[in-house]
Amino acid sequence: MFKGKKILITGGTGSLGKALAKRLLELDAEIVRIYSRNENKQISMQSEFNDERLRYLIGDIRDLPRLIRAVEDIDIVFHAAALKHVPVVEYNPFESIKTNVLGSQNVIDACLHENVETAICVGTDKAVSPLNTYGATKLLMEKLFVTTGNYINPEKHKTKFIAIRYGNVLASSGSVIPHFLNQIKENKKLTITDPTMTRFNITMNQALDFIIRAYQKGKGGEVFIPKLKAYRLGDLKDVIINLVEKDIQSEIIPVRPGEKYHESLISSDEIRNTFEDNDDYIILQDNSQKRIEKIQNLRETELKEQYSSDKVELLSIDEIKQILLKEKIFPI
């Protein structure tokens, strides 16, 4: 499906960017351009991959001229670059606006300038009824992508703009598992805000499968959301302590600024525009019958209330353990 395709990944040296680049190369992409700001991460990635189909471009999505040059001759853009650490963004709100909002508009403008085939932005559950600045900026990014088709001339611009939305990828950089593992290595107590907090569970392989499904299904203007289970943070903490087989203590700390007890992937107000197939929920801005028929097997959703992490099936202790072992997160 990607044979002969030239692809750009913004934020390509992050956890998702690296995993996506590897998957795209396995699927016979002709060229994968990595666009990011951090030269050290690019050098590290080059030594790790050693594949001549990868190209590395230093650049910031805030810089439109550089971005346009990076998108030249590209077929598909996966937009994953963002400022995403909630406390950092809360303390530096306008910097996140420059990157997550204005930078995303630059990605859109560059894709239109070069008339790429498809552009997919990577969103987050924090964009649903956002409590923190990060979520608010990602909501705006999502809105920019799915509404672009409303004001462009389809005879001049062929680009399909698609948004995807899911929770934190298990064990990705900045998520709770690396935080716990660092505390264990430093012989510190595991800090947890509330054991009853819930989070959606998605592994890196599941995230990659989902991104590719959205690329295959998308016609432009949709928000794709995967069907997921969730876990309690207290259960995750207990599994990690059990797996490392050490006498580890934990302590409760205050809730961080902008942190939710439960995350949502679809708000109650979005349900009327939400449809589903066997794998995913799909939010359509235009839910006319003609629009619905463009996506095969689409049917009205069975959701009756907000799709949140405290209302879906929760993983058991044993299921969490098996997922961590399968994903090779241990030993540390």
Foldseek 3Di string as FASTA:
>chain_A
DQAAAAEEEEVLLFPLNLVLVVVSVVVHHQAYEYEEADPVSVVVSCVVPVDPRYHYDHDALLDLVSLLVVCAPHAEYEYEDFDAQQQVCQVVVVVRCSRLAVSLVSNVVSCQVRQHQEYEYEAELCLAVHQTSNNVSRVNSQVCQLCVVVPDDCVRHNYAGEYEYYHDAPPTPNDQPVVQVVCVVVQHAREDADQQQKGWYDHSVRVSVQVVVCVVQGPHNKYKYWDTAMAGNNLLSVLVCVVQVDDHHHDHDHDDRRDDSKTFNFAQVQLVQWWDAPTIIMGHPDNDPVVQVSGPRIGRDPDDHTHMNVPGHYDDSVRSNVVCVVSPVDDD
